[in-house]
Amino acid sequence: MNDKFMVLDRNVVISSTGNLSNLICNNTFKVAELLRAIQECTGKSTGWFDYGVPCEVLGLTQDWQKGKVRISIEFCPDEPELIDSLRRKMN
């Protein structure tokens, strides 16, 4: 898994050329709008998108662990290694 991904705040604006027309009609939208569109397609269960839904997870090296799961939107900048390298050179 790429550790450069960051969870986007609900007020961040996204502009996408990807085909999201079945979810949202604009190419530019807030994260909250996209989450709301996904929520409407999944039966309007707010727990998945807000405070989380009780669950248990099973990892490869651990036993079942109780907790909550929540859906979010994440972002990873293109060429993060290059950006990090430039930042190190500037410091």
C-alpha atoms as a PDB file:
ATOM      1  CA  MET A   1       0.000   0.000   0.000  1.00  0.00           C
ATOM      2  CA  ASN A   2       1.298   3.434  -0.882  1.00  0.00           C
ATOM      3  CA  ASP A   3       1.894   5.416   2.318  1.00  0.00           C
ATOM      4  CA  LYS A   4       1.803   8.716   0.388  1.00  0.00           C
ATOM      5  CA  PHE A   5      -2.008   8.673   0.302  1.00  0.00           C
ATOM      6  CA  MET A   6      -3.708  11.310   2.480  1.00  0.00           C
ATOM      7  CA  VAL A   7      -7.338  11.350   3.612  1.00  0.00           C
ATOM      8  CA  LEU A   8      -8.992  14.404   2.071  1.00  0.00           C
ATOM      9  CA  ASP A   9     -11.018  16.809   4.201  1.00  0.00           C
ATOM     10  CA  ARG A  10     -14.693  17.025   3.232  1.00  0.00           C
ATOM     11  CA  ASN A  11     -14.266  20.640   2.020  1.00  0.00           C
ATOM     12  CA  VAL A  12     -11.450  19.879  -0.447  1.00  0.00           C
ATOM     13  CA  VAL A  13     -12.438  20.426  -4.085  1.00  0.00           C
ATOM     14  CA  ILE A  14     -11.699  17.710  -6.664  1.00  0.00           C
ATOM     15  CA  SER A  15     -11.598  18.174 -10.421  1.00  0.00           C
ATOM     16  CA  SER A  16     -11.766  14.867 -12.265  1.00  0.00           C
ATOM     17  CA  THR A  17     -11.817  13.872 -15.911  1.00  0.00           C
ATOM     18  CA  GLY A  18     -12.816  10.358 -14.877  1.00  0.00           C
ATOM     19  CA  ASN A  19     -16.317   9.184 -15.719  1.00  0.00           C
ATOM     20  CA  LEU A  20     -18.331   9.783 -12.544  1.00  0.00           C
ATOM     21  CA  SER A  21     -21.524  10.746 -14.392  1.00  0.00           C
ATOM     22  CA  ASN A  22     -23.485   7.928 -12.746  1.00  0.00           C
ATOM     23  CA  LEU A  23     -22.588   9.410  -9.327  1.00  0.00           C
ATOM     24  CA  ILE A  24     -22.158  13.144  -9.786  1.00  0.00           C
ATOM     25  CA  CYS A  25     -22.930  15.381 -12.759  1.00  0.00           C
ATOM     26  CA  ASN A  26     -20.070  17.919 -12.456  1.00  0.00           C
ATOM     27  CA  ASN A  27     -16.351  17.439 -13.112  1.00  0.00           C
ATOM     28  CA  THR A  28     -15.519  19.679 -10.124  1.00  0.00           C
ATOM     29  CA  PHE A  29     -16.989  18.894  -6.707  1.00  0.00           C
ATOM     30  CA  LYS A  30     -16.235  18.791  -2.997  1.00  0.00           C
ATOM     31  CA  VAL A  31     -15.269  15.551  -1.283  1.00  0.00           C
ATOM     32  CA  ALA A  32     -18.474  15.858   0.777  1.00  0.00           C
ATOM     33  CA  GLU A  33     -20.555  15.917  -2.430  1.00  0.00           C
ATOM     34  CA  LEU A  34     -18.888  12.763  -3.749  1.00  0.00           C
ATOM     35  CA  LEU A  35     -19.345  10.975  -0.418  1.00  0.00           C
ATOM     36  CA  ARG A  36     -23.017  12.037  -0.375  1.00  0.00           C
ATOM     37  CA  ALA A  37     -23.491  10.672  -3.941  1.00  0.00           C
ATOM     38  CA  ILE A  38     -21.897   7.341  -2.968  1.00  0.00           C
ATOM     39  CA  GLN A  39     -24.015   7.285   0.185  1.00  0.00           C
ATOM     40  CA  GLU A  40     -27.210   7.706  -1.851  1.00  0.00           C
ATOM     41  CA  CYS A  41     -26.224   4.764  -4.059  1.00  0.00           C
ATOM     42  CA  THR A  42     -25.600   2.547  -1.040  1.00  0.00           C
ATOM     43  CA  GLY A  43     -28.890   3.056   0.765  1.00  0.00           C
ATOM     44  CA  LYS A  44     -28.209   6.251   2.739  1.00  0.00           C
ATOM     45  CA  SER A  45     -26.540   4.525   5.671  1.00  0.00           C
ATOM     46  CA  THR A  46     -24.674   7.484   7.191  1.00  0.00           C
ATOM     47  CA  GLY A  47     -22.554   5.412   9.546  1.00  0.00           C
ATOM     48  CA  TRP A  48     -20.229   4.277   6.772  1.00  0.00           C
ATOM     49  CA  PHE A  49     -19.330   7.881   5.940  1.00  0.00           C
ATOM     50  CA  ASP A  50     -19.577   9.752   9.246  1.00  0.00           C
ATOM     51  CA  TYR A  51     -18.870   8.078  12.579  1.00  0.00           C
ATOM     52  CA  GLY A  52     -18.120   4.540  11.371  1.00  0.00           C
ATOM     53  CA  VAL A  53     -19.911   1.191  11.530  1.00  0.00           C
ATOM     54  CA  PRO A  54     -19.120  -1.391  14.240  1.00  0.00           C
ATOM     55  CA  CYS A  55     -17.190  -4.345  12.846  1.00  0.00           C
ATOM     56  CA  GLU A  56     -14.426  -6.849  13.409  1.00  0.00           C
ATOM     57  CA  VAL A  57     -11.337  -7.181  11.237  1.00  0.00           C
ATOM     58  CA  LEU A  58      -8.997 -10.130  10.819  1.00  0.00           C
ATOM     59  CA  GLY A  59      -5.407  -9.400   9.847  1.00  0.00           C
ATOM     60  CA  LEU A  60      -2.854 -11.837   8.469  1.00  0.00           C
ATOM     61  CA  THR A  61      -0.778 -11.773  11.658  1.00  0.00           C
ATOM     62  CA  GLN A  62      -3.383 -11.008  14.314  1.00  0.00           C
ATOM     63  CA  ASP A  63      -6.663 -12.242  15.751  1.00  0.00           C
ATOM     64  CA  TRP A  64     -10.063 -10.648  15.255  1.00  0.00           C
ATOM     65  CA  GLN A  65     -10.104  -7.053  16.479  1.00  0.00           C
ATOM     66  CA  LYS A  66     -13.275  -5.106  17.258  1.00  0.00           C
ATOM     67  CA  GLY A  67     -13.637  -1.503  16.112  1.00  0.00           C
ATOM     68  CA  LYS A  68     -15.289   0.654  13.459  1.00  0.00           C
ATOM     69  CA  VAL A  69     -14.848   1.061   9.717  1.00  0.00           C
ATOM     70  CA  ARG A  70     -15.481   4.299   7.799  1.00  0.00           C
ATOM     71  CA  ILE A  71     -15.348   5.201   4.096  1.00  0.00           C
ATOM     72  CA  SER A  72     -13.189   8.177   3.091  1.00  0.00           C
ATOM     73  CA  ILE A  73     -11.604   9.659  -0.042  1.00  0.00           C
ATOM     74  CA  GLU A  74      -7.808   9.608  -0.284  1.00  0.00           C
ATOM     75  CA  PHE A  75      -5.337  11.405  -2.544  1.00  0.00           C
ATOM     76  CA  CYS A  76      -1.787  10.617  -3.636  1.00  0.00           C
ATOM     77  CA  PRO A  77       0.181  13.256  -5.569  1.00  0.00           C
ATOM     78  CA  ASP A  78       1.884  12.194  -8.805  1.00  0.00           C
ATOM     79  CA  GLU A  79       5.571  11.381  -8.428  1.00  0.00           C
ATOM     80  CA  PRO A  80       5.717  11.813  -4.645  1.00  0.00           C
ATOM     81  CA  GLU A  81       9.318  10.543  -4.532  1.00  0.00           C
ATOM     82  CA  LEU A  82      10.444  13.367  -6.844  1.00  0.00           C
ATOM     83  CA  ILE A  83       8.641  15.977  -4.755  1.00  0.00           C
ATOM     84  CA  ASP A  84      10.142  14.589  -1.528  1.00  0.00           C
ATOM     85  CA  SER A  85      13.610  14.576  -3.107  1.00  0.00           C
ATOM     86  CA  LEU A  86      13.277  18.228  -4.148  1.00  0.00           C
ATOM     87  CA  ARG A  87      12.104  19.209  -0.678  1.00  0.00           C
ATOM     88  CA  ARG A  88      15.119  17.513   0.926  1.00  0.00           C
ATOM     89  CA  LYS A  89      17.488  19.355  -1.439  1.00  0.00           C
ATOM     90  CA  MET A  90      15.888  22.702  -0.598  1.00  0.00           C
ATOM     91  CA  ASN A  91      16.251  22.149   3.187  1.00  0.00           C
END
